[in-house]
Protein backbone atom coordinates (compact mmCIF):
# COMPACT_ATOMS: atom_id res chain seq x y z
CA MET A 1 -5.15 34.34 -99.52
CA LEU A 2 -3.98 37.47 -101.37
CA THR A 3 -6.95 39.65 -100.67
CA LEU A 4 -6.69 43.45 -100.72
CA PRO A 5 -6.45 43.69 -96.90
CA ASN A 6 -3.60 41.15 -96.85
CA ILE A 7 -1.81 43.00 -99.66
CA LEU A 8 -2.10 46.24 -97.68
CA THR A 9 -0.65 44.52 -94.62
CA LEU A 10 2.24 43.09 -96.62
CA SER A 11 2.88 46.49 -98.20
CA ARG A 12 3.29 47.97 -94.71
CA ILE A 13 5.97 45.40 -93.91
CA LEU A 14 7.73 45.89 -97.26
CA ALA A 15 7.75 49.68 -96.84
CA MET A 16 9.93 49.53 -93.75
CA PRO A 17 13.26 49.01 -95.58
CA VAL A 18 12.48 52.27 -97.42
CA MET A 19 11.92 53.89 -94.03
CA VAL A 20 15.33 52.63 -92.88
CA LEU A 21 16.99 54.11 -95.98
CA LEU A 22 15.28 57.46 -95.42
CA LEU A 23 16.38 57.63 -91.78
CA TRP A 24 19.90 56.19 -92.21
CA HIS A 25 21.67 59.43 -93.20
CA PRO A 26 18.80 61.86 -93.34
CA SER A 27 18.73 65.15 -95.11
CA PRO A 28 15.96 67.60 -94.13
CA TRP A 29 13.76 66.29 -96.94
CA ASP A 30 14.27 62.67 -95.88
CA TYR A 31 12.55 63.36 -92.57
CA TRP A 32 9.54 64.73 -94.43
CA LEU A 33 9.53 61.77 -96.81
CA ALA A 34 9.80 59.36 -93.87
CA PHE A 35 6.92 61.15 -92.15
CA GLY A 36 4.83 60.92 -95.31
CA LEU A 37 5.62 57.23 -95.73
CA TYR A 38 4.77 56.53 -92.10
CA ALA A 39 1.49 58.42 -92.44
CA LEU A 40 0.66 56.46 -95.60
CA VAL A 41 1.33 53.09 -93.98
CA GLY A 42 -0.67 54.23 -90.96
CA ILE A 43 -3.63 54.94 -93.22
CA THR A 44 -3.29 51.52 -94.84
CA ASP A 45 -3.39 50.03 -91.33
CA TYR A 46 -6.84 51.52 -90.87
CA PHE A 47 -8.09 50.52 -94.31
CA ASP A 48 -6.89 46.92 -94.21
CA GLY A 49 -8.87 46.27 -91.05
CA TYR A 50 -11.89 48.17 -92.32
CA LEU A 51 -11.91 46.39 -95.68
CA ALA A 52 -11.39 42.95 -94.14
CA ARG A 53 -14.39 43.40 -91.86
CA ALA A 54 -16.58 45.16 -94.43
CA GLN A 55 -15.94 42.60 -97.16
CA GLY A 56 -15.97 39.65 -94.78
CA THR A 57 -12.48 38.63 -95.88
CA VAL A 58 -10.87 38.33 -92.46
CA SER A 59 -8.22 35.63 -92.85
CA LYS A 60 -5.94 33.79 -90.47
CA LEU A 61 -2.97 35.25 -92.32
CA GLY A 62 -4.32 38.77 -91.84
CA VAL A 63 -5.09 38.19 -88.18
CA PHE A 64 -1.53 36.93 -87.72
CA LEU A 65 0.32 39.53 -89.83
CA ASP A 66 -1.52 42.71 -88.88
CA PRO A 67 -0.16 43.03 -85.33
CA ILE A 68 3.28 41.97 -86.53
CA ALA A 69 3.25 44.69 -89.19
CA ASP A 70 2.23 47.25 -86.56
CA LYS A 71 5.12 46.26 -84.31
CA ILE A 72 7.60 46.29 -87.19
CA MET A 73 6.46 49.81 -88.11
CA VAL A 74 6.97 51.17 -84.61
CA ALA A 75 10.19 49.25 -83.94
CA THR A 76 11.75 50.42 -87.21
CA VAL A 77 11.29 54.07 -86.35
CA ILE A 78 12.45 53.68 -82.75
CA VAL A 79 15.54 51.67 -83.69
CA MET A 80 16.52 54.13 -86.43
CA LEU A 81 16.04 57.16 -84.17
CA VAL A 82 18.24 55.55 -81.52
CA PHE A 83 20.80 54.39 -84.11
CA THR A 84 21.14 57.86 -85.63
CA ARG A 85 21.27 59.36 -82.11
CA ALA A 86 18.24 61.54 -82.82
CA ILE A 87 17.05 60.28 -79.42
CA ASP A 88 18.83 58.50 -76.61
CA GLY A 89 17.80 56.46 -73.62
CA LEU A 90 19.68 58.50 -71.02
CA ALA A 91 16.67 60.61 -70.10
CA VAL A 92 14.90 57.68 -68.44
CA VAL A 93 14.42 58.33 -64.74
CA ALA A 94 13.96 55.46 -62.29
CA ALA A 95 10.77 55.73 -60.33
């Protein structure tokens, strides 16, 4: 159950509260740290899938959690950028 790919997936989920703290009241360095953290969890996304297939340790938990972790990663950044008003939704143009 706790194989290396599953641990990598869980680490991606557990890293998102740190991302929230970095983006809450950011200083210039916090943006760089948040970028580095996001890049690191993105790399673990690649390696957890690669290791699971290469080692033959694909599990139902991993199949379930991997897409959830991906969505949590993206949603965390989008929500924090909107919350801190770094971006807003007013630029959307109706087609």
